[in-house]
Amino acid sequence: MLLTEKVVLSPTPKQEQWLWQMSMAATELYNIALQQRRWHFYRHHGTAQSLSYTYQNSQLVELKKRSLASTNFTAWSPKRS
C-alpha cells in the first residue's frame, strides 16, 4: 500500500517565497492552538471541560481575517483546476 509519494518541486523564486509564507503561517497557527490548549489544561484541569476542536475551529475565522490583513498572500497563488 502506497502511503506517501515524493514529489520534486521546482518553484520560481516568487512561488518559493509564497510557499515559505504559507508554511510559516501554518506553523504559527498550530503553535497558537497548542499553546491555547495547554494553557486551558493547566488553568482548568479537572474543573472545566477541555477545549474542543469545534471551539478552536470557530476562532479561525477571526484569526484568518487578522493574519491575512497583515500578510500579502496575493503575490502568487496556485492555479486551481
PDB file of N, CA and C in Angstrom:
ATOM      1  N   MET A   1       0.844  -1.166   0.000  1.00  0.00           N
ATOM      2  CA  MET A   1       0.000   0.000   0.000  1.00  0.00           C
ATOM      3  C   MET A   1       0.898   1.241   0.000  1.00  0.00           C
ATOM      4  N   LEU A   2       0.645   2.134  -0.933  1.00  0.00           N
ATOM      5  CA  LEU A   2       1.418   3.362  -1.064  1.00  0.00           C
ATOM      6  C   LEU A   2       0.791   4.448  -0.184  1.00  0.00           C
ATOM      7  N   LEU A   3       1.522   4.914   0.815  1.00  0.00           N
ATOM      8  CA  LEU A   3       1.002   5.935   1.712  1.00  0.00           C
ATOM      9  C   LEU A   3       1.519   7.322   1.367  1.00  0.00           C
ATOM     10  N   THR A   4       2.716   7.392   0.895  1.00  0.00           N
ATOM     11  CA  THR A   4       3.299   8.685   0.537  1.00  0.00           C
ATOM     12  C   THR A   4       4.006   8.583  -0.798  1.00  0.00           C
ATOM     13  N   GLU A   5       4.232   9.711  -1.384  1.00  0.00           N
ATOM     14  CA  GLU A   5       4.970   9.759  -2.634  1.00  0.00           C
ATOM     15  C   GLU A   5       5.800  11.029  -2.639  1.00  0.00           C
ATOM     16  N   LYS A   6       7.066  10.925  -2.986  1.00  0.00           N
ATOM     17  CA  LYS A   6       7.924  12.097  -3.070  1.00  0.00           C
ATOM     18  C   LYS A   6       7.661  12.807  -4.390  1.00  0.00           C
ATOM     19  N   VAL A   7       7.554  14.109  -4.291  1.00  0.00           N
ATOM     20  CA  VAL A   7       7.333  14.936  -5.471  1.00  0.00           C
ATOM     21  C   VAL A   7       8.407  16.008  -5.481  1.00  0.00           C
ATOM     22  N   VAL A   8       9.065  16.165  -6.581  1.00  0.00           N
ATOM     23  CA  VAL A   8      10.106  17.184  -6.714  1.00  0.00           C
ATOM     24  C   VAL A   8       9.450  18.475  -7.206  1.00  0.00           C
ATOM     25  N   LEU A   9       9.636  19.526  -6.441  1.00  0.00           N
ATOM     26  CA  LEU A   9       9.100  20.831  -6.818  1.00  0.00           C
ATOM     27  C   LEU A   9      10.223  21.697  -7.365  1.00  0.00           C
ATOM     28  N   SER A  10       9.904  22.473  -8.358  1.00  0.00           N
ATOM     29  CA  SER A  10      10.855  23.438  -8.904  1.00  0.00           C
ATOM     30  C   SER A  10      10.161  24.796  -8.994  1.00  0.00           C
ATOM     31  N   PRO A  11       9.908  25.404  -7.829  1.00  0.00           N
ATOM     32  CA  PRO A  11       9.182  26.673  -7.857  1.00  0.00           C
ATOM     33  C   PRO A  11      10.062  27.826  -8.312  1.00  0.00           C
ATOM     34  N   THR A  12       9.405  28.828  -8.849  1.00  0.00           N
ATOM     35  CA  THR A  12      10.106  30.068  -9.167  1.00  0.00           C
ATOM     36  C   THR A  12      10.414  30.761  -7.840  1.00  0.00           C
ATOM     37  N   PRO A  13      11.284  31.752  -7.825  1.00  0.00           N
ATOM     38  CA  PRO A  13      11.567  32.462  -6.575  1.00  0.00           C
ATOM     39  C   PRO A  13      10.302  33.045  -5.928  1.00  0.00           C
ATOM     40  N   LYS A  14       9.393  33.572  -6.725  1.00  0.00           N
ATOM     41  CA  LYS A  14       8.159  34.134  -6.190  1.00  0.00           C
ATOM     42  C   LYS A  14       7.286  33.035  -5.572  1.00  0.00           C
ATOM     43  N   GLN A  15       7.208  31.887  -6.240  1.00  0.00           N
ATOM     44  CA  GLN A  15       6.432  30.765  -5.716  1.00  0.00           C
ATOM     45  C   GLN A  15       7.069  30.209  -4.447  1.00  0.00           C
ATOM     46  N   GLU A  16       8.389  30.152  -4.426  1.00  0.00           N
ATOM     47  CA  GLU A  16       9.089  29.664  -3.239  1.00  0.00           C
ATOM     48  C   GLU A  16       8.823  30.565  -2.042  1.00  0.00           C
ATOM     49  N   GLN A  17       8.836  31.868  -2.276  1.00  0.00           N
ATOM     50  CA  GLN A  17       8.538  32.818  -1.199  1.00  0.00           C
ATOM     51  C   GLN A  17       7.125  32.593  -0.687  1.00  0.00           C
ATOM     52  N   TRP A  18       6.164  32.408  -1.577  1.00  0.00           N
ATOM     53  CA  TRP A  18       4.772  32.170  -1.186  1.00  0.00           C
ATOM     54  C   TRP A  18       4.647  30.878  -0.389  1.00  0.00           C
ATOM     55  N   LEU A  19       5.330  29.826  -0.824  1.00  0.00           N
ATOM     56  CA  LEU A  19       5.284  28.552  -0.111  1.00  0.00           C
ATOM     57  C   LEU A  19       5.845  28.684   1.309  1.00  0.00           C
ATOM     58  N   TRP A  20       6.942  29.431   1.451  1.00  0.00           N
ATOM     59  CA  TRP A  20       7.506  29.644   2.789  1.00  0.00           C
ATOM     60  C   TRP A  20       6.558  30.454   3.670  1.00  0.00           C
ATOM     61  N   GLN A  21       5.907  31.457   3.097  1.00  0.00           N
ATOM     62  CA  GLN A  21       4.946  32.248   3.872  1.00  0.00           C
ATOM     63  C   GLN A  21       3.799  31.367   4.361  1.00  0.00           C
ATOM     64  N   MET A  22       3.294  30.514   3.482  1.00  0.00           N
ATOM     65  CA  MET A  22       2.196  29.633   3.869  1.00  0.00           C
ATOM     66  C   MET A  22       2.647  28.633   4.927  1.00  0.00           C
ATOM     67  N   SER A  23       3.864  28.128   4.790  1.00  0.00           N
ATOM     68  CA  SER A  23       4.404  27.188   5.770  1.00  0.00           C
ATOM     69  C   SER A  23       4.553  27.852   7.136  1.00  0.00           C
ATOM     70  N   MET A  24       5.054  29.079   7.154  1.00  0.00           N
ATOM     71  CA  MET A  24       5.213  29.801   8.418  1.00  0.00           C
ATOM     72  C   MET A  24       3.856  30.105   9.045  1.00  0.00           C
ATOM     73  N   ALA A  25       2.866  30.452   8.229  1.00  0.00           N
ATOM     74  CA  ALA A  25       1.529  30.740   8.748  1.00  0.00           C
ATOM     75  C   ALA A  25       0.903  29.487   9.359  1.00  0.00           C
ATOM     76  N   ALA A  26       1.068  28.341   8.700  1.00  0.00           N
ATOM     77  CA  ALA A  26       0.522  27.084   9.226  1.00  0.00           C
ATOM     78  C   ALA A  26       1.208  26.698  10.533  1.00  0.00           C
ATOM     79  N   THR A  27       2.520  26.887  10.599  1.00  0.00           N
ATOM     80  CA  THR A  27       3.261  26.587  11.827  1.00  0.00           C
ATOM     81  C   THR A  27       2.809  27.493  12.961  1.00  0.00           C
ATOM     82  N   GLU A  28       2.643  28.774  12.680  1.00  0.00           N
ATOM     83  CA  GLU A  28       2.194  29.726  13.700  1.00  0.00           C
ATOM     84  C   GLU A  28       0.804  29.355  14.204  1.00  0.00           C
ATOM     85  N   LEU A  29      -0.080  29.017  13.303  1.00  0.00           N
ATOM     86  CA  LEU A  29      -1.436  28.638  13.685  1.00  0.00           C
ATOM     87  C   LEU A  29      -1.426  27.402  14.575  1.00  0.00           C
ATOM     88  N   TYR A  30      -0.653  26.400  14.209  1.00  0.00           N
ATOM     89  CA  TYR A  30      -0.556  25.181  15.013  1.00  0.00           C
ATOM     90  C   TYR A  30      -0.035  25.502  16.412  1.00  0.00           C
ATOM     91  N   ASN A  31       1.020  26.305  16.488  1.00  0.00           N
ATOM     92  CA  ASN A  31       1.607  26.646  17.788  1.00  0.00           C
ATOM     93  C   ASN A  31       0.648  27.444  18.660  1.00  0.00           C
ATOM     94  N   ILE A  32      -0.125  28.344  18.062  1.00  0.00           N
ATOM     95  CA  ILE A  32      -1.109  29.116  18.821  1.00  0.00           C
ATOM     96  C   ILE A  32      -2.180  28.191  19.393  1.00  0.00           C
ATOM     97  N   ALA A  33      -2.688  27.278  18.570  1.00  0.00           N
ATOM     98  CA  ALA A  33      -3.718  26.348  19.035  1.00  0.00           C
ATOM     99  C   ALA A  33      -3.189  25.453  20.150  1.00  0.00           C
ATOM    100  N   LEU A  34      -1.963  24.969  19.999  1.00  0.00           N
ATOM    101  CA  LEU A  34      -1.364  24.123  21.018  1.00  0.00           C
ATOM    102  C   LEU A  34      -1.160  24.891  22.319  1.00  0.00           C
ATOM    103  N   GLN A  35      -0.668  26.113  22.220  1.00  0.00           N
ATOM    104  CA  GLN A  35      -0.463  26.935  23.410  1.00  0.00           C
ATOM    105  C   GLN A  35      -1.792  27.194  24.115  1.00  0.00           C
ATOM    106  N   GLN A  36      -2.833  27.453  23.344  1.00  0.00           N
ATOM    107  CA  GLN A  36      -4.149  27.697  23.926  1.00  0.00           C
ATOM    108  C   GLN A  36      -4.649  26.451  24.659  1.00  0.00           C
ATOM    109  N   ARG A  37      -4.492  25.276  24.082  1.00  0.00           N
ATOM    110  CA  ARG A  37      -4.947  24.044  24.722  1.00  0.00           C
ATOM    111  C   ARG A  37      -4.138  23.762  25.994  1.00  0.00           C
ATOM    112  N   ARG A  38      -2.832  23.998  25.942  1.00  0.00           N
ATOM    113  CA  ARG A  38      -2.005  23.777  27.132  1.00  0.00           C
ATOM    114  C   ARG A  38      -2.398  24.729  28.256  1.00  0.00           C
ATOM    115  N   TRP A  39      -2.574  26.005  27.922  1.00  0.00           N
ATOM    116  CA  TRP A  39      -2.945  26.987  28.936  1.00  0.00           C
ATOM    117  C   TRP A  39      -4.278  26.603  29.568  1.00  0.00           C
ATOM    118  N   HIS A  40      -5.239  26.244  28.762  1.00  0.00           N
ATOM    119  CA  HIS A  40      -6.558  25.884  29.276  1.00  0.00           C
ATOM    120  C   HIS A  40      -6.469  24.641  30.155  1.00  0.00           C
ATOM    121  N   PHE A  41      -5.658  23.670  29.763  1.00  0.00           N
ATOM    122  CA  PHE A  41      -5.499  22.455  30.550  1.00  0.00           C
ATOM    123  C   PHE A  41      -4.916  22.768  31.926  1.00  0.00           C
ATOM    124  N   TYR A  42      -3.824  23.533  31.959  1.00  0.00           N
ATOM    125  CA  TYR A  42      -3.176  23.835  33.242  1.00  0.00           C
ATOM    126  C   TYR A  42      -4.039  24.728  34.125  1.00  0.00           C
ATOM    127  N   ARG A  43      -4.784  25.623  33.518  1.00  0.00           N
ATOM    128  CA  ARG A  43      -5.602  26.546  34.304  1.00  0.00           C
ATOM    129  C   ARG A  43      -6.883  25.890  34.809  1.00  0.00           C
ATOM    130  N   HIS A  44      -7.477  25.025  34.008  1.00  0.00           N
ATOM    131  CA  HIS A  44      -8.793  24.483  34.330  1.00  0.00           C
ATOM    132  C   HIS A  44      -8.809  22.970  34.495  1.00  0.00           C
ATOM    133  N   HIS A  45      -7.667  22.343  34.685  1.00  0.00           N
ATOM    134  CA  HIS A  45      -7.608  20.880  34.774  1.00  0.00           C
ATOM    135  C   HIS A  45      -8.516  20.367  35.885  1.00  0.00           C
ATOM    136  N   GLY A  46      -9.437  19.537  35.518  1.00  0.00           N
ATOM    137  CA  GLY A  46     -10.335  18.928  36.495  1.00  0.00           C
ATOM    138  C   GLY A  46     -11.516  19.776  36.889  1.00  0.00           C
ATOM    139  N   THR A  47     -11.550  21.035  36.475  1.00  0.00           N
ATOM    140  CA  THR A  47     -12.653  21.904  36.888  1.00  0.00           C
ATOM    141  C   THR A  47     -13.540  22.332  35.728  1.00  0.00           C
ATOM    142  N   ALA A  48     -13.083  22.158  34.512  1.00  0.00           N
ATOM    143  CA  ALA A  48     -13.865  22.597  33.358  1.00  0.00           C
ATOM    144  C   ALA A  48     -13.657  21.624  32.201  1.00  0.00           C
ATOM    145  N   GLN A  49     -14.564  21.683  31.273  1.00  0.00           N
ATOM    146  CA  GLN A  49     -14.450  20.848  30.090  1.00  0.00           C
ATOM    147  C   GLN A  49     -13.279  21.342  29.243  1.00  0.00           C
ATOM    148  N   SER A  50     -12.581  20.414  28.618  1.00  0.00           N
ATOM    149  CA  SER A  50     -11.432  20.800  27.803  1.00  0.00           C
ATOM    150  C   SER A  50     -11.893  21.529  26.545  1.00  0.00           C
ATOM    151  N   LEU A  51     -10.947  22.223  25.926  1.00  0.00           N
ATOM    152  CA  LEU A  51     -11.256  22.912  24.678  1.00  0.00           C
ATOM    153  C   LEU A  51     -11.524  21.883  23.586  1.00  0.00           C
ATOM    154  N   SER A  52     -12.546  22.112  22.835  1.00  0.00           N
ATOM    155  CA  SER A  52     -12.869  21.183  21.754  1.00  0.00           C
ATOM    156  C   SER A  52     -12.301  21.692  20.435  1.00  0.00           C
ATOM    157  N   TYR A  53     -12.191  20.780  19.496  1.00  0.00           N
ATOM    158  CA  TYR A  53     -11.759  21.142  18.152  1.00  0.00           C
ATOM    159  C   TYR A  53     -12.739  22.143  17.557  1.00  0.00           C
ATOM    160  N   THR A  54     -14.026  21.922  17.785  1.00  0.00           N
ATOM    161  CA  THR A  54     -15.060  22.803  17.242  1.00  0.00           C
ATOM    162  C   THR A  54     -14.894  24.224  17.761  1.00  0.00           C
ATOM    163  N   TYR A  55     -14.618  24.369  19.045  1.00  0.00           N
ATOM    164  CA  TYR A  55     -14.433  25.698  19.629  1.00  0.00           C
ATOM    165  C   TYR A  55     -13.225  26.399  18.995  1.00  0.00           C
ATOM    166  N   GLN A  56     -12.100  25.686  18.915  1.00  0.00           N
ATOM    167  CA  GLN A  56     -10.918  26.313  18.342  1.00  0.00           C
ATOM    168  C   GLN A  56     -11.117  26.604  16.856  1.00  0.00           C
ATOM    169  N   ASN A  57     -11.803  25.727  16.157  1.00  0.00           N
ATOM    170  CA  ASN A  57     -12.044  25.937  14.735  1.00  0.00           C
ATOM    171  C   ASN A  57     -12.919  27.172  14.510  1.00  0.00           C
ATOM    172  N   SER A  58     -13.856  27.424  15.417  1.00  0.00           N
ATOM    173  CA  SER A  58     -14.720  28.598  15.275  1.00  0.00           C
ATOM    174  C   SER A  58     -13.934  29.900  15.422  1.00  0.00           C
ATOM    175  N   GLN A  59     -12.812  29.851  16.097  1.00  0.00           N
ATOM    176  CA  GLN A  59     -11.982  31.041  16.265  1.00  0.00           C
ATOM    177  C   GLN A  59     -11.113  31.326  15.040  1.00  0.00           C
ATOM    178  N   LEU A  60     -11.023  30.373  14.123  1.00  0.00           N
ATOM    179  CA  LEU A  60     -10.155  30.545  12.962  1.00  0.00           C
ATOM    180  C   LEU A  60     -10.596  31.671  12.038  1.00  0.00           C
ATOM    181  N   VAL A  61     -11.884  31.905  11.923  1.00  0.00           N
ATOM    182  CA  VAL A  61     -12.365  32.938  11.012  1.00  0.00           C
ATOM    183  C   VAL A  61     -11.762  34.289  11.382  1.00  0.00           C
ATOM    184  N   GLU A  62     -11.825  34.636  12.651  1.00  0.00           N
ATOM    185  CA  GLU A  62     -11.272  35.921  13.099  1.00  0.00           C
ATOM    186  C   GLU A  62      -9.751  35.939  12.953  1.00  0.00           C
ATOM    187  N   LEU A  63      -9.106  34.829  13.294  1.00  0.00           N
ATOM    188  CA  LEU A  63      -7.655  34.755  13.180  1.00  0.00           C
ATOM    189  C   LEU A  63      -7.214  34.894  11.727  1.00  0.00           C
ATOM    190  N   LYS A  64      -7.929  34.263  10.815  1.00  0.00           N
ATOM    191  CA  LYS A  64      -7.600  34.370   9.392  1.00  0.00           C
ATOM    192  C   LYS A  64      -7.750  35.802   8.910  1.00  0.00           C
ATOM    193  N   LYS A  65      -8.812  36.482   9.354  1.00  0.00           N
ATOM    194  CA  LYS A  65      -9.012  37.877   8.947  1.00  0.00           C
ATOM    195  C   LYS A  65      -7.840  38.734   9.384  1.00  0.00           C
ATOM    196  N   ARG A  66      -7.401  38.568  10.634  1.00  0.00           N
ATOM    197  CA  ARG A  66      -6.292  39.374  11.140  1.00  0.00           C
ATOM    198  C   ARG A  66      -4.986  39.015  10.457  1.00  0.00           C
ATOM    199  N   SER A  67      -4.733  37.722  10.258  1.00  0.00           N
ATOM    200  CA  SER A  67      -3.477  37.288   9.647  1.00  0.00           C
ATOM    201  C   SER A  67      -3.395  37.701   8.186  1.00  0.00           C
ATOM    202  N   LEU A  68      -4.471  37.516   7.450  1.00  0.00           N
ATOM    203  CA  LEU A  68      -4.456  37.854   6.035  1.00  0.00           C
ATOM    204  C   LEU A  68      -4.407  39.355   5.803  1.00  0.00           C
ATOM    205  N   ALA A  69      -4.925  40.122   6.738  1.00  0.00           N
ATOM    206  CA  ALA A  69      -4.878  41.573   6.602  1.00  0.00           C
ATOM    207  C   ALA A  69      -3.446  42.087   6.721  1.00  0.00           C
ATOM    208  N   SER A  70      -2.623  41.378   7.494  1.00  0.00           N
ATOM    209  CA  SER A  70      -1.250  41.839   7.704  1.00  0.00           C
ATOM    210  C   SER A  70      -0.237  41.163   6.784  1.00  0.00           C
ATOM    211  N   THR A  71      -0.667  40.162   6.010  1.00  0.00           N
ATOM    212  CA  THR A  71       0.248  39.429   5.138  1.00  0.00           C
ATOM    213  C   THR A  71      -0.273  39.446   3.720  1.00  0.00           C
ATOM    214  N   ASN A  72       0.611  39.675   2.785  1.00  0.00           N
ATOM    215  CA  ASN A  72       0.217  39.706   1.379  1.00  0.00           C
ATOM    216  C   ASN A  72       0.426  38.332   0.756  1.00  0.00           C
ATOM    217  N   PHE A  73      -0.629  37.528   0.714  1.00  0.00           N
ATOM    218  CA  PHE A  73      -0.549  36.214   0.110  1.00  0.00           C
ATOM    219  C   PHE A  73      -0.987  36.253  -1.350  1.00  0.00           C
ATOM    220  N   THR A  74      -1.235  37.422  -1.889  1.00  0.00           N
ATOM    221  CA  THR A  74      -1.699  37.518  -3.259  1.00  0.00           C
ATOM    222  C   THR A  74      -0.544  37.620  -4.249  1.00  0.00           C
ATOM    223  N   ALA A  75       0.699  37.610  -3.751  1.00  0.00           N
ATOM    224  CA  ALA A  75       1.851  37.712  -4.644  1.00  0.00           C
ATOM    225  C   ALA A  75       1.877  36.559  -5.637  1.00  0.00           C
ATOM    226  N   TRP A  76       1.458  35.410  -5.197  1.00  0.00           N
ATOM    227  CA  TRP A  76       1.351  34.255  -6.087  1.00  0.00           C
ATOM    228  C   TRP A  76       0.330  33.319  -5.471  1.00  0.00           C
ATOM    229  N   SER A  77      -0.545  32.815  -6.283  1.00  0.00           N
ATOM    230  CA  SER A  77      -1.491  31.839  -5.793  1.00  0.00           C
ATOM    231  C   SER A  77      -1.507  30.659  -6.757  1.00  0.00           C
ATOM    232  N   PRO A  78      -1.680  29.451  -6.215  1.00  0.00           N
ATOM    233  CA  PRO A  78      -1.641  28.273  -7.090  1.00  0.00           C
ATOM    234  C   PRO A  78      -2.830  28.261  -8.032  1.00  0.00           C
ATOM    235  N   LYS A  79      -2.626  27.690  -9.214  1.00  0.00           N
ATOM    236  CA  LYS A  79      -3.710  27.580 -10.174  1.00  0.00           C
ATOM    237  C   LYS A  79      -4.622  26.452  -9.733  1.00  0.00           C
ATOM    238  N   ARG A  80      -5.888  26.705  -9.777  1.00  0.00           N
ATOM    239  CA  ARG A  80      -6.872  25.692  -9.408  1.00  0.00           C
ATOM    240  C   ARG A  80      -7.458  25.096 -10.679  1.00  0.00           C
ATOM    241  N   SER A  81      -7.590  23.795 -10.688  1.00  0.00           N
ATOM    242  CA  SER A  81      -8.146  23.163 -11.894  1.00  0.00           C
ATOM    243  C   SER A  81      -9.571  22.704 -11.673  1.00  0.00           C
TER     244      SER A  81
END
